[in-house]
Amino acid sequence: MNLRKLSQGTVAAVLLTALASASFAQDAPKKEQADSAYSDFIGTEPKGPSKPTPRTAAGHPDLTGFWKGDRATKPVGNIGKDLPGFKLPLTPAGEAALQHNLTATIDPESLCIIGGIPRHNASGLPFMVLQNDQFVAFLYFYSYYRLIPLDGRKHSDDPDPSFFGEEIGHWDGDTLVIDSIGFKDEKVWIDENANPHSDALHVVERWSRPDADHIHVETLIEDPKFYTRPFTYHRTWLAGRSDQVPGEYACSENNVDLTHLGFGPGAILPDGTRGYLNPAPLPPAITPVRPAPAATKQ
């Protein structure tokens, strides 16, 4: 992916993220690292057979690890990637909400607002999972986190709206099921392309780890206010090195593009990703001018 293809609403966030991750060298070959500004975020398939799925003392698959996207997930950032033409089944109210997002809202993540779920499942950035018998935690590169209880509790009758929703997990055999309701319906996009969701959103994620090198999610998305039917989004990530962890990420610090942000996601390419066809070249770098040293008295 070319940084010049990014809409202006995400340039600052991407540059900051790239700086935050610069210390995490990957196992990819040098040619692959040169292919893309995002090569540090992309995993590589193991050269040999994968090891078996690690398990906890309770016998459940252990999802713990640092997880990076694979090259097969296209278009990254688009929650409709598994639908014909990437077209989400919007209701008239959903179409109106989409047009509002396109013409009257700035990308919430570029304003350092939590992206939430399912948007984070579509992100191109790595994440980390920590797990014990009581909780599963997801740690994201934006310094956001999710903490999902596994203690058998039920949903609240009237949960406080939040960006990740009220999340409750349980095991279905070797699959971790996360059921979420109670979402905010303002300052939220369901994906990178400004698609909306309402406060009626219901998300069911089914996480599995078929072997030591892969983690997979299948996400069921229901929102009867904005979508005519439920639809699914699935994704696989690859294991990073055992010593990799997310770095500190202060989204609002040095966000020099903040006053230039426009409404909507910018252009959407035919492949469903954000960006521009034939973008203008970047201007040359500015060379700082240093003052001449003061003359010394003879």
Protein backbone atom coordinates (compact mmCIF):
# COMPACT_ATOMS: atom_id res chain seq x y z
CA MET A 1 0.00 0.00 0.00
CA ASN A 2 1.28 3.44 -0.93
CA LEU A 3 1.11 6.22 1.67
CA ARG A 4 0.27 8.59 -1.17
CA LYS A 5 -2.97 6.67 -1.80
CA LEU A 6 -4.30 7.28 1.69
CA SER A 7 -7.03 9.83 2.21
CA GLN A 8 -5.88 12.85 4.16
CA GLY A 9 -8.06 11.77 7.08
CA THR A 10 -5.73 8.86 7.85
CA VAL A 11 -2.27 10.09 6.85
CA ALA A 12 -1.36 11.40 10.30
CA ALA A 13 -2.58 8.26 12.05
CA VAL A 14 -0.65 5.99 9.66
CA LEU A 15 2.57 7.93 10.02
CA LEU A 16 2.34 7.90 13.81
CA THR A 17 1.59 4.19 13.79
CA ALA A 18 4.53 3.49 11.51
CA LEU A 19 6.81 5.33 13.91
CA ALA A 20 5.37 3.48 16.88
CA SER A 21 6.02 0.12 15.25
CA ALA A 22 9.45 0.87 13.84
CA SER A 23 11.20 -1.10 16.59
CA PHE A 24 9.36 -4.31 15.77
CA ALA A 25 11.50 -5.87 13.03
CA GLN A 26 9.75 -8.79 11.33
CA ASP A 27 10.87 -12.10 9.93
CA ALA A 28 9.94 -11.12 6.35
CA PRO A 29 12.67 -11.16 3.69
CA LYS A 30 14.27 -7.84 2.72
CA LYS A 31 12.46 -7.78 -0.64
CA GLU A 32 9.09 -8.17 1.09
CA GLN A 33 10.00 -5.41 3.55
CA ALA A 34 10.71 -3.11 0.62
CA ASP A 35 7.40 -3.94 -1.08
CA SER A 36 5.25 -1.81 1.16
CA ALA A 37 5.18 0.79 3.88
CA TYR A 38 3.07 -1.77 5.74
CA SER A 39 5.46 -4.72 5.47
CA ASP A 40 6.17 -4.48 9.19
CA PHE A 41 2.49 -5.18 9.83
CA ILE A 42 2.15 -8.18 7.47
CA GLY A 43 2.83 -11.74 8.65
CA THR A 44 4.49 -14.49 6.66
CA GLU A 45 3.32 -18.05 6.30
CA PRO A 46 5.57 -20.62 8.01
CA LYS A 47 8.02 -22.38 5.72
CA GLY A 48 7.31 -25.77 7.26
CA PRO A 49 4.37 -27.51 8.91
CA SER A 50 2.74 -25.53 11.71
CA LYS A 51 2.99 -26.72 15.28
CA PRO A 52 -0.19 -27.88 17.03
CA THR A 53 -2.52 -25.40 18.65
CA PRO A 54 -1.25 -24.45 22.13
CA ARG A 55 -3.75 -25.04 24.91
CA THR A 56 -4.37 -23.67 28.38
CA ALA A 57 -4.39 -25.79 31.53
CA ALA A 58 -8.20 -25.91 31.17
CA GLY A 59 -7.83 -27.46 27.73
CA HIS A 60 -9.01 -24.48 25.66
CA PRO A 61 -7.04 -23.19 22.67
CA ASP A 62 -4.65 -20.50 23.86
CA LEU A 63 -5.19 -17.41 21.68
CA THR A 64 -2.35 -15.54 23.40
CA GLY A 65 0.10 -13.95 20.97
CA PHE A 66 0.97 -11.04 18.70
CA TRP A 67 -1.10 -11.28 15.51
CA LYS A 68 -0.41 -9.73 12.10
CA GLY A 69 -2.51 -9.58 8.95
CA ASP A 70 -1.95 -11.79 5.93
CA ARG A 71 -1.71 -10.76 2.29
CA ALA A 72 -4.83 -12.74 1.37
CA THR A 73 -7.16 -10.35 3.25
CA LYS A 74 -8.35 -7.94 0.56
CA PRO A 75 -9.63 -5.31 0.71
CA VAL A 76 -8.26 -4.55 4.18
CA GLY A 77 -10.47 -2.18 6.11
CA ASN A 78 -13.67 -3.02 4.21
CA ILE A 79 -16.27 -4.89 6.30
CA GLY A 80 -18.05 -5.87 3.06
CA LYS A 81 -15.03 -7.73 1.65
CA ASP A 82 -16.91 -11.05 1.55
CA LEU A 83 -20.00 -9.60 -0.19
CA PRO A 84 -20.54 -9.27 -3.97
CA GLY A 85 -19.14 -5.95 -5.11
CA PHE A 86 -18.33 -5.14 -1.47
CA LYS A 87 -21.93 -3.87 -1.25
CA LEU A 88 -23.47 -3.90 2.21
CA PRO A 89 -27.25 -4.58 2.41
CA LEU A 90 -28.28 -1.12 3.62
CA THR A 91 -31.82 -0.17 4.55
CA PRO A 92 -33.03 3.30 3.49
CA ALA A 93 -32.09 4.54 6.98
CA GLY A 94 -28.68 2.90 6.60
CA GLU A 95 -28.14 4.53 3.21
CA ALA A 96 -29.02 7.91 4.71
CA ALA A 97 -26.56 7.29 7.56
CA LEU A 98 -23.85 6.36 5.04
CA GLN A 99 -24.41 9.56 3.08
CA HIS A 100 -24.21 11.51 6.34
CA ASN A 101 -20.88 9.86 7.15
CA LEU A 102 -19.56 10.59 3.65
CA THR A 103 -20.53 14.25 3.63
CA ALA A 104 -20.71 15.45 7.23
CA THR A 105 -18.42 13.38 9.48
CA ILE A 106 -14.66 13.09 9.84
CA ASP A 107 -13.21 9.60 10.24
CA PRO A 108 -13.53 9.04 14.02
CA GLU A 109 -10.21 7.21 14.28
CA SER A 110 -8.39 10.18 12.72
CA LEU A 111 -9.79 12.19 15.64
CA CYS A 112 -8.42 9.60 18.10
CA ILE A 113 -11.88 8.15 18.83
CA ILE A 114 -12.05 4.41 19.49
CA GLY A 115 -12.90 2.44 16.33
CA GLY A 116 -14.69 -0.36 18.16
CA ILE A 117 -15.97 -3.63 16.78
CA PRO A 118 -16.32 -4.80 14.06
CA ARG A 119 -14.06 -2.07 12.66
CA HIS A 120 -10.96 -3.26 14.53
CA ASN A 121 -11.40 -6.74 13.06
CA ALA A 122 -10.96 -5.17 9.61
CA SER A 123 -7.88 -3.12 10.54
CA GLY A 124 -4.53 -3.59 8.86
CA LEU A 125 -2.72 -3.10 12.16
CA PRO A 126 -1.46 -5.93 14.40
CA PHE A 127 -2.94 -6.68 17.80
CA MET A 128 -2.14 -8.80 20.82
CA VAL A 129 -4.26 -11.30 22.77
CA LEU A 130 -3.78 -12.14 26.45
CA GLN A 131 -5.88 -14.92 27.95
CA ASN A 132 -6.63 -16.67 31.23
CA ASP A 133 -9.61 -18.65 32.51
CA GLN A 134 -11.59 -15.54 33.52
CA PHE A 135 -10.89 -13.06 30.72
CA VAL A 136 -9.60 -12.61 27.20
CA ALA A 137 -8.00 -9.23 26.44
CA PHE A 138 -7.33 -7.73 23.00
CA LEU A 139 -4.63 -5.02 22.94
CA TYR A 140 -4.60 -2.77 19.87
CA PHE A 141 -1.95 -0.54 18.32
CA TYR A 142 -4.03 2.56 19.06
CA SER A 143 -3.53 1.82 22.78
CA TYR A 144 -7.15 0.64 22.98
CA TYR A 145 -8.10 -2.62 24.61
CA ARG A 146 -11.07 -4.96 24.99
CA LEU A 147 -11.60 -7.08 28.10
CA ILE A 148 -14.05 -9.94 27.58
CA PRO A 149 -15.29 -11.88 30.64
CA LEU A 150 -15.61 -15.67 30.43
CA ASP A 151 -17.47 -16.21 33.72
CA GLY A 152 -20.89 -17.13 32.30
CA ARG A 153 -22.60 -13.79 32.97
CA LYS A 154 -25.56 -12.62 30.89
CA HIS A 155 -26.09 -9.34 29.06
CA SER A 156 -27.44 -6.42 31.06
CA ASP A 157 -31.05 -5.38 30.51
CA ASP A 158 -29.93 -1.87 29.55
CA PRO A 159 -26.15 -1.73 28.98
CA ASP A 160 -24.38 1.62 28.83
CA PRO A 161 -23.54 2.30 25.16
CA SER A 162 -19.85 1.98 24.33
CA PHE A 163 -17.62 1.72 21.28
CA PHE A 164 -16.89 -2.00 21.75
CA GLY A 165 -20.32 -2.75 23.20
CA GLU A 166 -21.06 -4.96 26.18
CA GLU A 167 -18.96 -8.03 25.35
CA ILE A 168 -19.52 -11.46 26.88
CA GLY A 169 -17.52 -14.53 25.96
CA HIS A 170 -17.90 -18.28 26.27
CA TRP A 171 -16.32 -21.39 24.80
CA ASP A 172 -18.18 -23.48 22.22
CA GLY A 173 -15.86 -26.47 22.01
CA ASP A 174 -12.59 -25.06 20.65
CA THR A 175 -14.20 -21.79 19.50
CA LEU A 176 -14.27 -18.62 21.58
CA VAL A 177 -17.63 -16.91 21.05
CA ILE A 178 -17.90 -13.18 21.87
CA ASP A 179 -21.43 -11.78 21.88
CA SER A 180 -21.70 -7.97 21.92
CA ILE A 181 -24.62 -5.54 22.21
CA GLY A 182 -25.05 -2.00 23.58
CA PHE A 183 -23.09 0.01 21.00
CA LYS A 184 -22.79 3.74 20.58
CA ASP A 185 -24.46 5.12 17.46
CA GLU A 186 -22.58 8.42 17.19
CA LYS A 187 -18.98 9.09 16.10
CA VAL A 188 -18.70 5.53 14.79
CA TRP A 189 -17.94 3.97 11.41
CA ILE A 190 -18.31 0.22 11.00
CA ASP A 191 -15.20 0.11 8.76
CA GLU A 192 -12.61 2.29 6.97
CA ASN A 193 -15.08 3.23 4.22
CA ALA A 194 -17.54 5.18 6.40
CA ASN A 195 -20.21 2.47 6.49
CA PRO A 196 -22.51 3.08 9.48
CA HIS A 197 -24.02 1.13 12.33
CA SER A 198 -26.82 2.00 14.72
CA ASP A 199 -27.44 1.35 18.41
CA ALA A 200 -29.24 -1.85 17.35
CA LEU A 201 -25.93 -3.44 16.30
CA HIS A 202 -25.39 -7.01 17.49
CA VAL A 203 -22.03 -8.65 16.79
CA VAL A 204 -21.14 -12.32 17.34
CA GLU A 205 -17.47 -13.21 16.82
CA ARG A 206 -16.27 -16.81 16.64
CA TRP A 207 -12.50 -17.01 17.23
CA SER A 208 -10.47 -20.15 16.54
CA ARG A 209 -6.80 -21.11 16.42
CA PRO A 210 -6.39 -24.07 14.07
CA ASP A 211 -2.64 -24.31 14.70
CA ALA A 212 0.17 -22.36 16.34
CA ASP A 213 0.64 -19.97 13.40
CA HIS A 214 -2.91 -18.82 12.60
CA ILE A 215 -5.88 -17.23 14.31
CA HIS A 216 -9.25 -16.82 12.61
CA VAL A 217 -12.50 -14.95 13.24
CA GLU A 218 -15.90 -15.27 11.66
CA THR A 219 -18.09 -12.32 12.56
CA LEU A 220 -21.88 -12.20 12.29
CA ILE A 221 -23.17 -8.62 12.04
CA GLU A 222 -26.82 -7.81 12.67
CA ASP A 223 -28.30 -4.31 12.64
CA PRO A 224 -31.99 -4.25 11.64
CA LYS A 225 -32.09 -0.43 11.62
CA PHE A 226 -29.35 -0.01 9.03
CA TYR A 227 -29.06 -3.40 7.28
CA THR A 228 -31.75 -5.50 5.60
CA ARG A 229 -30.22 -8.80 6.71
CA PRO A 230 -27.37 -10.19 8.80
CA PHE A 231 -24.03 -10.64 7.03
CA THR A 232 -20.64 -12.11 7.90
CA TYR A 233 -17.02 -11.01 7.80
CA HIS A 234 -14.14 -13.47 8.19
CA ARG A 235 -10.43 -12.94 8.60
CA THR A 236 -7.19 -14.82 9.35
CA TRP A 237 -4.06 -13.44 11.02
CA LEU A 238 -0.53 -14.86 11.31
CA ALA A 239 1.55 -15.21 14.46
CA GLY A 240 4.31 -12.69 15.05
CA ARG A 241 7.43 -13.36 17.06
CA SER A 242 7.05 -14.29 20.70
CA ASP A 243 8.85 -11.11 21.81
CA GLN A 244 6.59 -8.68 19.94
CA VAL A 245 4.15 -6.42 21.80
CA PRO A 246 2.23 -3.26 20.82
CA GLY A 247 4.07 -0.01 21.44
CA GLU A 248 2.79 3.10 23.17
CA TYR A 249 0.65 5.14 20.78
CA ALA A 250 -0.38 8.69 21.68
CA CYS A 251 -2.86 9.35 18.89
CA SER A 252 -3.53 13.01 19.61
CA GLU A 253 0.10 14.01 20.09
CA ASN A 254 1.63 15.83 17.10
CA ASN A 255 -1.53 15.23 15.04
CA VAL A 256 -0.49 17.98 12.62
CA ASP A 257 -3.12 17.00 10.03
CA LEU A 258 -6.02 17.56 12.43
CA THR A 259 -7.02 20.98 11.06
CA HIS A 260 -6.95 19.70 7.46
CA LEU A 261 -9.25 16.70 7.82
CA GLY A 262 -12.24 16.54 5.49
CA PHE A 263 -15.53 14.69 5.67
CA GLY A 264 -15.80 11.06 4.65
CA PRO A 265 -13.06 8.54 3.86
CA GLY A 266 -11.86 10.14 0.62
CA ALA A 267 -11.95 8.20 -2.62
CA ILE A 268 -12.75 4.46 -2.65
CA LEU A 269 -10.85 2.46 -5.27
CA PRO A 270 -12.53 -0.24 -7.41
CA ASP A 271 -10.87 -2.88 -5.22
CA GLY A 272 -12.78 -1.58 -2.19
CA THR A 273 -9.87 0.15 -0.45
CA ARG A 274 -9.43 3.82 0.41
CA GLY A 275 -7.17 5.76 -1.91
CA TYR A 276 -6.77 7.57 -5.21
CA LEU A 277 -6.06 6.45 -8.77
CA ASN A 278 -2.87 7.98 -10.19
CA PRO A 279 -2.13 10.12 -7.16
CA ALA A 280 0.05 13.19 -7.59
CA PRO A 281 3.65 12.67 -6.46
CA LEU A 282 4.60 13.81 -3.03
CA PRO A 283 6.37 17.16 -2.88
CA PRO A 284 10.12 17.07 -2.25
CA ALA A 285 11.21 17.00 1.34
CA ILE A 286 11.91 20.37 2.90
CA THR A 287 15.56 20.88 3.80
CA PRO A 288 15.89 22.94 6.97
CA VAL A 289 17.93 26.09 6.59
CA ARG A 290 20.49 26.54 9.32
CA PRO A 291 21.59 30.06 10.22
CA ALA A 292 25.18 30.91 9.35
CA PRO A 293 27.52 30.92 12.35
CA ALA A 294 28.14 34.32 13.82
CA ALA A 295 31.40 35.93 12.78
CA THR A 296 34.06 35.91 15.46
CA LYS A 297 35.90 39.10 16.42
CA GLN A 298 39.54 39.26 15.46
